[in-house]
N, C-alpha and C. Protein backbone atom coordinates (compact mmCIF):
# COMPACT_ATOMS: atom_id res chain seq x y z
N MET A 1 -7.91 -15.50 3.18
CA MET A 1 -7.66 -14.42 4.14
C MET A 1 -6.81 -13.34 3.47
N PRO A 2 -7.13 -12.07 3.72
CA PRO A 2 -6.37 -11.00 3.10
C PRO A 2 -5.00 -10.81 3.76
N ILE A 3 -4.10 -10.22 3.01
CA ILE A 3 -2.83 -9.74 3.56
C ILE A 3 -3.13 -8.44 4.29
N ILE A 4 -2.66 -8.30 5.51
CA ILE A 4 -2.92 -7.09 6.31
C ILE A 4 -1.63 -6.27 6.41
N ALA A 5 -1.75 -4.99 6.03
CA ALA A 5 -0.59 -4.10 5.99
C ALA A 5 -0.89 -2.82 6.76
N PRO A 6 -0.67 -2.81 8.08
CA PRO A 6 -0.91 -1.59 8.85
C PRO A 6 -0.07 -0.42 8.34
N SER A 7 -0.70 0.74 8.21
CA SER A 7 -0.01 1.93 7.71
C SER A 7 0.68 2.65 8.85
N MET A 8 2.01 2.73 8.76
CA MET A 8 2.79 3.32 9.83
C MET A 8 2.63 4.84 9.90
N LEU A 9 1.97 5.43 8.93
CA LEU A 9 1.70 6.86 8.97
C LEU A 9 0.83 7.21 10.19
N SER A 10 0.04 6.24 10.64
CA SER A 10 -0.85 6.46 11.79
C SER A 10 -0.23 6.05 13.12
N ALA A 11 0.99 5.54 13.08
CA ALA A 11 1.65 5.11 14.31
C ALA A 11 2.05 6.32 15.16
N ASP A 12 2.30 6.07 16.43
CA ASP A 12 2.82 7.09 17.34
C ASP A 12 4.34 7.13 17.19
N PHE A 13 4.86 8.17 16.55
CA PHE A 13 6.29 8.20 16.25
C PHE A 13 7.14 8.47 17.50
N LEU A 14 6.53 8.87 18.60
CA LEU A 14 7.27 8.98 19.85
C LEU A 14 7.49 7.59 20.47
N LYS A 15 6.72 6.62 19.98
CA LYS A 15 6.85 5.24 20.47
C LYS A 15 7.05 4.29 19.29
N LEU A 16 7.84 4.72 18.32
CA LEU A 16 7.92 3.98 17.06
C LEU A 16 8.45 2.56 17.26
N GLY A 17 9.45 2.42 18.11
CA GLY A 17 9.99 1.08 18.36
C GLY A 17 8.92 0.14 18.91
N GLU A 18 8.11 0.65 19.84
CA GLU A 18 7.04 -0.17 20.42
C GLU A 18 5.97 -0.50 19.38
N GLU A 19 5.68 0.46 18.51
CA GLU A 19 4.68 0.23 17.46
C GLU A 19 5.17 -0.85 16.48
N ILE A 20 6.45 -0.80 16.15
CA ILE A 20 7.03 -1.82 15.27
C ILE A 20 6.96 -3.19 15.93
N ASP A 21 7.30 -3.25 17.22
CA ASP A 21 7.23 -4.53 17.94
C ASP A 21 5.81 -5.07 17.94
N MET A 22 4.83 -4.16 18.10
CA MET A 22 3.43 -4.60 18.10
C MET A 22 3.08 -5.26 16.77
N ILE A 23 3.48 -4.64 15.66
CA ILE A 23 3.21 -5.23 14.34
C ILE A 23 3.95 -6.56 14.19
N ASN A 24 5.21 -6.59 14.64
CA ASN A 24 5.98 -7.84 14.58
C ASN A 24 5.25 -8.98 15.29
N ASN A 25 4.62 -8.66 16.41
CA ASN A 25 3.97 -9.68 17.25
C ASN A 25 2.52 -9.93 16.88
N SER A 26 2.02 -9.22 15.89
CA SER A 26 0.62 -9.34 15.49
C SER A 26 0.47 -10.33 14.34
N GLU A 27 -0.77 -10.49 13.88
CA GLU A 27 -1.04 -11.33 12.72
C GLU A 27 -0.93 -10.55 11.41
N ALA A 28 -0.46 -9.30 11.47
CA ALA A 28 -0.24 -8.52 10.26
C ALA A 28 0.87 -9.16 9.42
N ASP A 29 0.81 -8.93 8.12
CA ASP A 29 1.77 -9.54 7.20
C ASP A 29 2.86 -8.57 6.75
N TRP A 30 2.48 -7.32 6.53
CA TRP A 30 3.38 -6.31 5.99
C TRP A 30 3.36 -5.05 6.85
N PHE A 31 4.39 -4.23 6.68
CA PHE A 31 4.38 -2.84 7.12
C PHE A 31 4.10 -1.99 5.88
N HIS A 32 3.11 -1.12 5.94
CA HIS A 32 2.85 -0.20 4.83
C HIS A 32 3.44 1.16 5.17
N LEU A 33 4.30 1.68 4.28
CA LEU A 33 5.06 2.89 4.55
C LEU A 33 4.78 3.93 3.48
N ASP A 34 4.12 5.01 3.86
CA ASP A 34 3.75 6.08 2.93
C ASP A 34 4.81 7.17 2.91
N VAL A 35 5.37 7.41 1.74
CA VAL A 35 6.38 8.45 1.57
C VAL A 35 5.76 9.59 0.77
N MET A 36 5.71 10.79 1.35
CA MET A 36 5.07 11.95 0.73
C MET A 36 6.06 13.11 0.63
N ASP A 37 6.03 13.80 -0.50
CA ASP A 37 7.04 14.84 -0.74
C ASP A 37 6.50 16.27 -0.67
N GLY A 38 5.19 16.44 -0.39
CA GLY A 38 4.63 17.78 -0.33
C GLY A 38 4.39 18.40 -1.69
N ARG A 39 4.65 17.65 -2.74
CA ARG A 39 4.44 18.14 -4.11
C ARG A 39 3.35 17.31 -4.82
N PHE A 40 3.56 16.00 -4.86
CA PHE A 40 2.53 15.15 -5.47
C PHE A 40 1.27 15.14 -4.62
N VAL A 41 1.46 15.16 -3.31
CA VAL A 41 0.35 15.27 -2.36
C VAL A 41 0.63 16.42 -1.40
N PRO A 42 -0.42 17.02 -0.82
CA PRO A 42 -0.22 18.20 0.05
C PRO A 42 0.17 17.82 1.48
N ASN A 43 1.18 17.00 1.60
CA ASN A 43 1.64 16.59 2.92
C ASN A 43 3.06 16.08 2.79
N ILE A 44 3.79 16.05 3.89
CA ILE A 44 5.15 15.52 3.93
C ILE A 44 5.20 14.48 5.04
N SER A 45 5.83 13.34 4.78
CA SER A 45 5.91 12.31 5.82
C SER A 45 7.36 12.02 6.15
N TYR A 46 7.83 10.82 5.84
CA TYR A 46 9.20 10.42 6.16
C TYR A 46 9.84 9.83 4.91
N GLY A 47 11.16 9.63 4.96
CA GLY A 47 11.87 9.12 3.80
C GLY A 47 12.83 8.00 4.13
N MET A 48 13.88 7.91 3.35
CA MET A 48 14.81 6.79 3.45
C MET A 48 15.46 6.61 4.82
N PRO A 49 15.93 7.69 5.50
CA PRO A 49 16.60 7.48 6.78
C PRO A 49 15.72 6.82 7.84
N ILE A 50 14.44 7.25 7.91
CA ILE A 50 13.52 6.65 8.89
C ILE A 50 13.23 5.20 8.52
N ILE A 51 12.99 4.95 7.24
CA ILE A 51 12.67 3.58 6.80
C ILE A 51 13.83 2.64 7.07
N SER A 52 15.05 3.09 6.81
CA SER A 52 16.22 2.22 7.03
C SER A 52 16.39 1.90 8.52
N GLN A 53 16.05 2.85 9.40
CA GLN A 53 16.10 2.59 10.84
C GLN A 53 15.00 1.63 11.27
N MET A 54 13.80 1.81 10.70
CA MET A 54 12.69 0.91 11.01
C MET A 54 13.01 -0.52 10.59
N LYS A 55 13.70 -0.65 9.46
CA LYS A 55 14.01 -1.97 8.91
C LYS A 55 14.87 -2.79 9.88
N LYS A 56 15.68 -2.11 10.68
CA LYS A 56 16.55 -2.80 11.63
C LYS A 56 15.75 -3.53 12.71
N ARG A 57 14.55 -3.03 13.00
CA ARG A 57 13.74 -3.59 14.08
C ARG A 57 12.57 -4.44 13.57
N ALA A 58 12.13 -4.13 12.36
CA ALA A 58 10.95 -4.82 11.80
C ALA A 58 11.33 -6.21 11.28
N LYS A 59 10.35 -7.11 11.33
CA LYS A 59 10.60 -8.50 10.92
C LYS A 59 9.67 -8.95 9.79
N LYS A 60 8.98 -7.98 9.18
CA LYS A 60 8.03 -8.35 8.14
C LYS A 60 8.26 -7.51 6.88
N THR A 61 7.57 -7.88 5.83
CA THR A 61 7.71 -7.25 4.52
C THR A 61 7.47 -5.74 4.58
N PHE A 62 8.32 -4.97 3.90
CA PHE A 62 8.17 -3.52 3.79
C PHE A 62 7.50 -3.18 2.45
N ASP A 63 6.30 -2.65 2.57
CA ASP A 63 5.47 -2.25 1.43
C ASP A 63 5.52 -0.73 1.35
N VAL A 64 6.40 -0.20 0.49
CA VAL A 64 6.68 1.23 0.45
C VAL A 64 5.91 1.88 -0.70
N HIS A 65 5.12 2.89 -0.34
CA HIS A 65 4.23 3.59 -1.29
C HIS A 65 4.76 5.00 -1.51
N LEU A 66 5.27 5.26 -2.70
CA LEU A 66 5.86 6.56 -3.01
C LEU A 66 4.81 7.50 -3.59
N MET A 67 4.42 8.50 -2.79
CA MET A 67 3.54 9.57 -3.28
C MET A 67 4.42 10.79 -3.52
N VAL A 68 5.27 10.65 -4.55
CA VAL A 68 6.27 11.68 -4.84
C VAL A 68 6.35 11.89 -6.35
N VAL A 69 6.77 13.08 -6.75
CA VAL A 69 7.04 13.32 -8.17
C VAL A 69 8.42 12.73 -8.51
N GLU A 70 8.59 12.34 -9.73
CA GLU A 70 9.85 11.75 -10.22
C GLU A 70 10.34 10.59 -9.34
N PRO A 71 9.48 9.62 -9.08
CA PRO A 71 9.89 8.51 -8.21
C PRO A 71 11.07 7.72 -8.77
N GLU A 72 11.23 7.74 -10.08
CA GLU A 72 12.30 6.98 -10.71
C GLU A 72 13.70 7.42 -10.24
N ARG A 73 13.79 8.60 -9.65
CA ARG A 73 15.08 9.11 -9.16
C ARG A 73 15.52 8.41 -7.87
N TYR A 74 14.59 7.75 -7.18
CA TYR A 74 14.88 7.27 -5.82
C TYR A 74 14.80 5.75 -5.67
N LEU A 75 14.68 5.03 -6.75
CA LEU A 75 14.44 3.58 -6.66
C LEU A 75 15.56 2.86 -5.91
N GLU A 76 16.79 3.15 -6.28
CA GLU A 76 17.92 2.46 -5.67
C GLU A 76 18.03 2.78 -4.18
N GLU A 77 17.75 4.05 -3.82
CA GLU A 77 17.84 4.46 -2.42
C GLU A 77 16.81 3.73 -1.56
N PHE A 78 15.60 3.52 -2.11
CA PHE A 78 14.58 2.82 -1.33
C PHE A 78 14.87 1.33 -1.24
N LYS A 79 15.51 0.79 -2.26
CA LYS A 79 15.97 -0.60 -2.15
C LYS A 79 16.97 -0.73 -1.01
N LYS A 80 17.93 0.19 -0.94
CA LYS A 80 18.93 0.17 0.13
C LYS A 80 18.30 0.37 1.50
N ALA A 81 17.23 1.17 1.55
CA ALA A 81 16.55 1.45 2.83
C ALA A 81 15.76 0.25 3.33
N GLY A 82 15.43 -0.69 2.43
CA GLY A 82 14.76 -1.91 2.89
C GLY A 82 13.42 -2.22 2.24
N ALA A 83 13.05 -1.52 1.18
CA ALA A 83 11.77 -1.78 0.53
C ALA A 83 11.75 -3.18 -0.10
N ASP A 84 10.67 -3.91 0.13
CA ASP A 84 10.44 -5.20 -0.53
C ASP A 84 9.49 -5.02 -1.71
N TYR A 85 8.41 -4.27 -1.46
CA TYR A 85 7.51 -3.80 -2.53
C TYR A 85 7.73 -2.30 -2.66
N LEU A 86 7.82 -1.81 -3.88
CA LEU A 86 7.96 -0.38 -4.10
C LEU A 86 6.90 0.05 -5.10
N THR A 87 5.99 0.92 -4.63
CA THR A 87 4.85 1.35 -5.43
C THR A 87 4.99 2.81 -5.84
N VAL A 88 4.81 3.06 -7.14
CA VAL A 88 4.81 4.42 -7.68
C VAL A 88 3.42 4.73 -8.21
N HIS A 89 3.15 6.00 -8.44
CA HIS A 89 1.82 6.40 -8.92
C HIS A 89 1.76 6.50 -10.43
N TYR A 90 0.68 5.98 -10.98
CA TYR A 90 0.41 6.12 -12.41
C TYR A 90 0.45 7.58 -12.83
N GLU A 91 -0.07 8.45 -11.98
CA GLU A 91 -0.23 9.86 -12.34
C GLU A 91 1.10 10.62 -12.38
N THR A 92 2.19 10.00 -11.93
CA THR A 92 3.47 10.72 -11.89
C THR A 92 4.38 10.38 -13.06
N GLY A 93 4.06 9.33 -13.81
CA GLY A 93 5.07 8.80 -14.72
C GLY A 93 4.79 8.91 -16.20
N PHE A 94 5.81 9.34 -16.92
CA PHE A 94 5.74 9.32 -18.39
C PHE A 94 6.30 8.00 -18.92
N HIS A 95 7.14 7.35 -18.13
CA HIS A 95 7.81 6.13 -18.57
C HIS A 95 7.58 5.03 -17.54
N LEU A 96 6.31 4.69 -17.33
CA LEU A 96 5.96 3.75 -16.27
C LEU A 96 6.53 2.36 -16.49
N HIS A 97 6.51 1.89 -17.71
CA HIS A 97 7.04 0.56 -18.00
C HIS A 97 8.51 0.49 -17.59
N ARG A 98 9.26 1.52 -17.94
CA ARG A 98 10.68 1.56 -17.59
C ARG A 98 10.86 1.59 -16.07
N THR A 99 10.04 2.38 -15.39
CA THR A 99 10.16 2.47 -13.93
C THR A 99 9.84 1.14 -13.27
N LEU A 100 8.77 0.48 -13.71
CA LEU A 100 8.38 -0.80 -13.13
C LEU A 100 9.45 -1.87 -13.36
N THR A 101 9.99 -1.93 -14.57
CA THR A 101 11.03 -2.92 -14.84
C THR A 101 12.32 -2.59 -14.08
N SER A 102 12.57 -1.31 -13.85
CA SER A 102 13.75 -0.92 -13.06
C SER A 102 13.61 -1.36 -11.61
N ILE A 103 12.40 -1.22 -11.06
CA ILE A 103 12.14 -1.67 -9.68
C ILE A 103 12.43 -3.17 -9.57
N LYS A 104 11.95 -3.93 -10.54
CA LYS A 104 12.17 -5.38 -10.52
C LYS A 104 13.64 -5.73 -10.68
N ALA A 105 14.33 -4.98 -11.54
CA ALA A 105 15.76 -5.24 -11.77
C ALA A 105 16.58 -5.04 -10.50
N LEU A 106 16.09 -4.20 -9.61
CA LEU A 106 16.76 -3.95 -8.34
C LEU A 106 16.43 -5.01 -7.28
N GLY A 107 15.54 -5.95 -7.64
CA GLY A 107 15.21 -7.04 -6.74
C GLY A 107 13.99 -6.82 -5.87
N MET A 108 13.19 -5.79 -6.19
CA MET A 108 11.96 -5.52 -5.45
C MET A 108 10.75 -5.94 -6.27
N LYS A 109 9.61 -6.07 -5.62
CA LYS A 109 8.34 -6.24 -6.31
C LYS A 109 7.84 -4.86 -6.73
N ALA A 110 7.25 -4.78 -7.92
CA ALA A 110 6.85 -3.49 -8.48
C ALA A 110 5.36 -3.24 -8.28
N GLY A 111 5.07 -2.10 -7.63
CA GLY A 111 3.68 -1.71 -7.42
C GLY A 111 3.33 -0.47 -8.23
N LEU A 112 2.07 -0.38 -8.61
CA LEU A 112 1.56 0.81 -9.30
C LEU A 112 0.27 1.22 -8.62
N SER A 113 0.17 2.51 -8.28
CA SER A 113 -1.02 3.03 -7.60
C SER A 113 -1.80 3.95 -8.53
N ILE A 114 -3.12 3.91 -8.40
CA ILE A 114 -3.99 4.82 -9.15
C ILE A 114 -4.87 5.59 -8.18
N ASN A 115 -5.00 6.88 -8.43
CA ASN A 115 -5.85 7.75 -7.63
C ASN A 115 -7.33 7.52 -7.94
N PRO A 116 -8.23 8.02 -7.10
CA PRO A 116 -9.66 7.77 -7.31
C PRO A 116 -10.19 8.18 -8.69
N HIS A 117 -9.60 9.21 -9.31
CA HIS A 117 -10.14 9.68 -10.59
C HIS A 117 -9.56 8.93 -11.79
N THR A 118 -8.57 8.06 -11.56
CA THR A 118 -7.91 7.35 -12.67
C THR A 118 -8.62 6.03 -12.97
N PRO A 119 -9.09 5.83 -14.20
CA PRO A 119 -9.76 4.58 -14.55
C PRO A 119 -8.82 3.38 -14.48
N VAL A 120 -9.34 2.26 -14.06
CA VAL A 120 -8.55 1.03 -13.94
C VAL A 120 -7.95 0.61 -15.27
N ASP A 121 -8.69 0.77 -16.35
CA ASP A 121 -8.21 0.25 -17.63
C ASP A 121 -7.00 1.01 -18.18
N MET A 122 -6.60 2.09 -17.53
CA MET A 122 -5.41 2.81 -17.96
C MET A 122 -4.14 1.98 -17.76
N VAL A 123 -4.21 0.95 -16.92
CA VAL A 123 -3.02 0.14 -16.65
C VAL A 123 -3.07 -1.22 -17.36
N LYS A 124 -4.07 -1.40 -18.20
CA LYS A 124 -4.29 -2.70 -18.84
C LYS A 124 -3.07 -3.20 -19.62
N ASP A 125 -2.42 -2.31 -20.36
CA ASP A 125 -1.33 -2.72 -21.23
C ASP A 125 -0.05 -3.10 -20.48
N ILE A 126 0.04 -2.71 -19.21
CA ILE A 126 1.25 -3.05 -18.45
C ILE A 126 0.95 -3.92 -17.23
N ILE A 127 -0.22 -4.54 -17.21
CA ILE A 127 -0.64 -5.29 -16.03
C ILE A 127 0.34 -6.41 -15.68
N HIS A 128 0.98 -7.01 -16.69
CA HIS A 128 1.92 -8.10 -16.42
C HIS A 128 3.21 -7.62 -15.75
N GLU A 129 3.46 -6.34 -15.78
CA GLU A 129 4.64 -5.78 -15.11
C GLU A 129 4.34 -5.35 -13.67
N ILE A 130 3.06 -5.42 -13.29
CA ILE A 130 2.64 -4.91 -11.98
C ILE A 130 2.43 -6.07 -11.01
N ASP A 131 3.25 -6.12 -9.96
CA ASP A 131 3.06 -7.15 -8.94
C ASP A 131 1.95 -6.78 -7.97
N LEU A 132 1.78 -5.46 -7.77
CA LEU A 132 0.81 -4.95 -6.80
C LEU A 132 0.10 -3.74 -7.38
N LEU A 133 -1.21 -3.83 -7.54
CA LEU A 133 -2.00 -2.69 -8.01
C LEU A 133 -2.68 -2.07 -6.80
N LEU A 134 -2.22 -0.87 -6.43
CA LEU A 134 -2.76 -0.17 -5.27
C LEU A 134 -3.83 0.81 -5.74
N ILE A 135 -5.07 0.51 -5.38
CA ILE A 135 -6.20 1.38 -5.74
C ILE A 135 -6.48 2.28 -4.54
N MET A 136 -6.25 3.58 -4.72
CA MET A 136 -6.52 4.52 -3.64
C MET A 136 -8.03 4.67 -3.44
N SER A 137 -8.47 4.43 -2.22
CA SER A 137 -9.90 4.54 -1.90
C SER A 137 -10.22 5.84 -1.17
N ILE A 138 -9.22 6.72 -1.12
CA ILE A 138 -9.38 8.10 -0.67
C ILE A 138 -8.48 8.95 -1.56
N ASN A 139 -8.60 10.27 -1.47
CA ASN A 139 -7.65 11.12 -2.15
C ASN A 139 -6.37 11.14 -1.33
N PRO A 140 -5.23 10.80 -1.92
CA PRO A 140 -4.01 10.59 -1.14
C PRO A 140 -3.48 11.86 -0.49
N GLY A 141 -2.80 11.66 0.64
CA GLY A 141 -2.16 12.78 1.31
C GLY A 141 -2.36 12.79 2.81
N PHE A 142 -3.52 12.32 3.27
CA PHE A 142 -3.81 12.37 4.69
C PHE A 142 -4.54 11.10 5.12
N GLY A 143 -4.25 10.62 6.32
CA GLY A 143 -4.97 9.49 6.88
C GLY A 143 -6.29 9.94 7.47
N GLY A 144 -7.11 8.96 7.84
CA GLY A 144 -8.36 9.26 8.55
C GLY A 144 -9.52 9.66 7.68
N GLN A 145 -9.38 9.56 6.34
CA GLN A 145 -10.49 9.92 5.46
C GLN A 145 -11.46 8.76 5.31
N LYS A 146 -12.66 9.08 4.82
CA LYS A 146 -13.68 8.05 4.62
C LYS A 146 -13.50 7.35 3.27
N PHE A 147 -13.75 6.06 3.27
CA PHE A 147 -13.66 5.22 2.08
C PHE A 147 -14.62 5.72 1.00
N LEU A 148 -14.13 5.82 -0.23
CA LEU A 148 -14.97 6.26 -1.35
C LEU A 148 -15.68 5.06 -1.97
N PRO A 149 -17.02 5.04 -1.95
CA PRO A 149 -17.77 3.88 -2.44
C PRO A 149 -17.50 3.51 -3.90
N LEU A 150 -17.08 4.49 -4.71
CA LEU A 150 -16.79 4.20 -6.12
C LEU A 150 -15.67 3.16 -6.26
N THR A 151 -14.94 2.94 -5.16
CA THR A 151 -13.81 2.00 -5.19
C THR A 151 -14.26 0.57 -5.42
N TYR A 152 -15.43 0.20 -4.93
CA TYR A 152 -15.88 -1.19 -5.07
C TYR A 152 -15.91 -1.62 -6.54
N ASN A 153 -16.44 -0.77 -7.39
CA ASN A 153 -16.53 -1.10 -8.80
C ASN A 153 -15.14 -1.18 -9.43
N LYS A 154 -14.24 -0.31 -8.98
CA LYS A 154 -12.87 -0.33 -9.50
C LYS A 154 -12.16 -1.64 -9.11
N ILE A 155 -12.42 -2.12 -7.90
CA ILE A 155 -11.82 -3.40 -7.48
C ILE A 155 -12.32 -4.52 -8.38
N ARG A 156 -13.62 -4.55 -8.62
CA ARG A 156 -14.19 -5.61 -9.47
C ARG A 156 -13.63 -5.54 -10.88
N GLN A 157 -13.51 -4.32 -11.42
CA GLN A 157 -12.95 -4.14 -12.76
C GLN A 157 -11.50 -4.62 -12.81
N ALA A 158 -10.74 -4.27 -11.77
CA ALA A 158 -9.33 -4.66 -11.72
C ALA A 158 -9.19 -6.17 -11.65
N LYS A 159 -9.99 -6.81 -10.82
CA LYS A 159 -9.93 -8.27 -10.68
C LYS A 159 -10.26 -8.95 -12.01
N GLU A 160 -11.28 -8.45 -12.68
CA GLU A 160 -11.67 -9.02 -13.98
C GLU A 160 -10.52 -8.87 -14.99
N MET A 161 -9.89 -7.70 -15.00
CA MET A 161 -8.78 -7.45 -15.92
C MET A 161 -7.60 -8.37 -15.63
N ILE A 162 -7.28 -8.55 -14.35
CA ILE A 162 -6.15 -9.40 -13.96
C ILE A 162 -6.41 -10.86 -14.33
N VAL A 163 -7.61 -11.33 -14.05
CA VAL A 163 -7.97 -12.72 -14.37
C VAL A 163 -7.95 -12.94 -15.88
N LYS A 164 -8.51 -12.01 -16.62
CA LYS A 164 -8.55 -12.12 -18.08
C LYS A 164 -7.15 -12.14 -18.68
N ALA A 165 -6.25 -11.35 -18.10
CA ALA A 165 -4.87 -11.28 -18.60
C ALA A 165 -4.00 -12.43 -18.08
N ARG A 166 -4.55 -13.22 -17.15
CA ARG A 166 -3.82 -14.30 -16.49
C ARG A 166 -2.56 -13.75 -15.81
N ALA A 167 -2.71 -12.59 -15.23
CA ALA A 167 -1.62 -11.96 -14.49
C ALA A 167 -1.67 -12.41 -13.03
N SER A 168 -0.60 -12.20 -12.31
CA SER A 168 -0.54 -12.60 -10.90
C SER A 168 -0.57 -11.38 -9.97
N THR A 169 -1.03 -10.25 -10.49
CA THR A 169 -1.07 -8.99 -9.76
C THR A 169 -1.98 -9.07 -8.53
N LEU A 170 -1.47 -8.60 -7.40
CA LEU A 170 -2.29 -8.46 -6.19
C LEU A 170 -2.99 -7.11 -6.21
N ILE A 171 -4.20 -7.06 -5.68
CA ILE A 171 -4.94 -5.80 -5.54
C ILE A 171 -4.86 -5.35 -4.09
N GLU A 172 -4.41 -4.11 -3.90
CA GLU A 172 -4.29 -3.53 -2.57
C GLU A 172 -5.20 -2.31 -2.46
N ILE A 173 -5.86 -2.17 -1.32
CA ILE A 173 -6.73 -1.02 -1.08
C ILE A 173 -6.19 -0.22 0.09
N ASP A 174 -6.10 1.09 -0.11
CA ASP A 174 -5.53 1.99 0.90
C ASP A 174 -6.44 3.20 1.07
N GLY A 175 -6.98 3.34 2.30
CA GLY A 175 -7.77 4.52 2.61
C GLY A 175 -9.15 4.20 3.12
N GLY A 176 -9.41 4.53 4.36
CA GLY A 176 -10.75 4.37 4.91
C GLY A 176 -11.17 2.94 5.18
N VAL A 177 -10.23 2.02 5.28
CA VAL A 177 -10.55 0.62 5.59
C VAL A 177 -10.89 0.50 7.07
N THR A 178 -12.05 -0.05 7.36
CA THR A 178 -12.51 -0.23 8.75
C THR A 178 -12.98 -1.66 8.97
N LEU A 179 -13.24 -2.01 10.22
CA LEU A 179 -13.79 -3.33 10.51
C LEU A 179 -15.18 -3.49 9.90
N GLU A 180 -15.86 -2.36 9.68
CA GLU A 180 -17.23 -2.39 9.15
C GLU A 180 -17.26 -2.65 7.65
N ASN A 181 -16.29 -2.12 6.91
CA ASN A 181 -16.35 -2.27 5.44
C ASN A 181 -15.33 -3.26 4.88
N ALA A 182 -14.44 -3.78 5.71
CA ALA A 182 -13.35 -4.63 5.22
C ALA A 182 -13.85 -5.88 4.51
N ALA A 183 -14.91 -6.51 5.03
CA ALA A 183 -15.42 -7.74 4.41
C ALA A 183 -15.93 -7.47 3.00
N ASP A 184 -16.62 -6.35 2.81
CA ASP A 184 -17.12 -6.00 1.47
C ASP A 184 -15.97 -5.69 0.52
N ILE A 185 -14.92 -5.06 1.04
CA ILE A 185 -13.76 -4.73 0.21
C ILE A 185 -13.06 -6.01 -0.25
N VAL A 186 -12.92 -6.97 0.65
CA VAL A 186 -12.30 -8.24 0.30
C VAL A 186 -13.19 -9.03 -0.66
N ALA A 187 -14.49 -9.01 -0.43
CA ALA A 187 -15.42 -9.74 -1.29
C ALA A 187 -15.40 -9.23 -2.72
N ALA A 188 -15.11 -7.95 -2.90
CA ALA A 188 -15.05 -7.37 -4.24
C ALA A 188 -13.83 -7.85 -5.01
N GLY A 189 -12.82 -8.38 -4.29
CA GLY A 189 -11.65 -8.91 -4.99
C GLY A 189 -10.31 -8.44 -4.47
N THR A 190 -10.28 -7.82 -3.31
CA THR A 190 -9.05 -7.27 -2.76
C THR A 190 -8.19 -8.35 -2.10
N ASP A 191 -6.88 -8.25 -2.30
CA ASP A 191 -5.92 -9.19 -1.70
C ASP A 191 -5.22 -8.61 -0.49
N VAL A 192 -4.99 -7.28 -0.50
CA VAL A 192 -4.20 -6.63 0.55
C VAL A 192 -4.98 -5.45 1.12
N LEU A 193 -5.14 -5.42 2.43
CA LEU A 193 -5.81 -4.31 3.11
C LEU A 193 -4.79 -3.46 3.85
N VAL A 194 -4.75 -2.17 3.52
CA VAL A 194 -3.95 -1.22 4.29
C VAL A 194 -4.88 -0.58 5.32
N ALA A 195 -4.47 -0.58 6.57
CA ALA A 195 -5.30 0.00 7.63
C ALA A 195 -4.40 0.83 8.55
N GLY A 196 -4.73 2.10 8.69
CA GLY A 196 -3.94 2.99 9.53
C GLY A 196 -4.64 3.32 10.83
N ASN A 197 -5.55 4.29 10.76
CA ASN A 197 -6.30 4.70 11.96
C ASN A 197 -7.05 3.54 12.60
N THR A 198 -7.60 2.66 11.77
CA THR A 198 -8.37 1.53 12.29
C THR A 198 -7.53 0.69 13.24
N VAL A 199 -6.25 0.51 12.92
CA VAL A 199 -5.36 -0.28 13.77
C VAL A 199 -4.82 0.57 14.92
N PHE A 200 -4.20 1.69 14.61
CA PHE A 200 -3.43 2.43 15.61
C PHE A 200 -4.29 3.26 16.56
N SER A 201 -5.54 3.53 16.18
CA SER A 201 -6.45 4.24 17.09
C SER A 201 -7.29 3.28 17.92
N SER A 202 -7.12 2.00 17.65
CA SER A 202 -7.90 0.99 18.37
C SER A 202 -7.38 0.81 19.79
N PRO A 203 -8.27 0.61 20.76
CA PRO A 203 -7.81 0.28 22.12
C PRO A 203 -7.12 -1.08 22.18
N ASP A 204 -7.36 -1.90 21.16
CA ASP A 204 -6.76 -3.23 21.09
C ASP A 204 -6.24 -3.47 19.67
N PRO A 205 -5.08 -2.89 19.31
CA PRO A 205 -4.56 -3.03 17.95
C PRO A 205 -4.34 -4.49 17.53
N LEU A 206 -3.84 -5.31 18.43
CA LEU A 206 -3.60 -6.72 18.09
C LEU A 206 -4.91 -7.43 17.77
N GLY A 207 -5.95 -7.14 18.56
CA GLY A 207 -7.27 -7.74 18.31
C GLY A 207 -7.88 -7.25 17.01
N THR A 208 -7.69 -5.97 16.71
CA THR A 208 -8.21 -5.40 15.47
C THR A 208 -7.54 -6.03 14.26
N ILE A 209 -6.23 -6.18 14.33
CA ILE A 209 -5.51 -6.84 13.23
C ILE A 209 -5.99 -8.28 13.06
N LYS A 210 -6.20 -8.96 14.18
CA LYS A 210 -6.69 -10.35 14.13
C LYS A 210 -8.05 -10.43 13.44
N LYS A 211 -8.94 -9.49 13.75
CA LYS A 211 -10.27 -9.47 13.12
C LYS A 211 -10.16 -9.22 11.62
N LEU A 212 -9.29 -8.29 11.23
CA LEU A 212 -9.09 -8.01 9.80
C LEU A 212 -8.53 -9.25 9.09
N LYS A 213 -7.61 -9.91 9.73
CA LYS A 213 -6.96 -11.08 9.13
C LYS A 213 -7.93 -12.23 8.93
N GLN A 214 -8.95 -12.34 9.81
CA GLN A 214 -9.88 -13.47 9.75
C GLN A 214 -11.00 -13.27 8.74
N ILE A 215 -11.05 -12.11 8.09
CA ILE A 215 -12.10 -11.85 7.10
C ILE A 215 -11.98 -12.86 5.96
N GLY A 216 -13.12 -13.43 5.60
CA GLY A 216 -13.16 -14.39 4.49
C GLY A 216 -12.67 -15.77 4.85
N LYS A 217 -12.43 -15.99 6.14
CA LYS A 217 -11.91 -17.31 6.58
C LYS A 217 -12.98 -18.36 6.42
């Protein structure tokens, strides 16, 4: 069964406490938190103050995805805010190995994300430092986009690379995950499904999460 990480970017922020309680009471495993700075991606979301407040009410793992330039400047602040997994983008870093090891030194799991145009094999040499490989299945910045089919091949390539290297890296997919395509995404080799609109736009979010969780059972 996949790990399910609802994306809080799609939550109703006027009812944020209720949305957090819903995830707490669901079969979801993680909270996925997208941080955007308006520079790396053409959108701005929320940062450390909101995440630290959410952490007070949430009872599950915080999977924080930094879509920001110079992420290495904020590692300690996100640890203090409550991040359990902290993911940075391959496309932002000149010193990725240093950033990943710094995340681990702070006591978090280290994630690395690649955009749709970035080949999987670009991370081959540092795969053992990556706890979570986040493959973007849309162009990052906005929720509600359609899943890019080219992602299936990237998942298979990533899984082959991880197995060959005998690494323990989890593969996470973010963008356009639906009840219709989730089984195929998991079958390709995905461990973690991020779902935003699919969960929060559903008339029955708890039931939708349950269906996602039962894939591959």
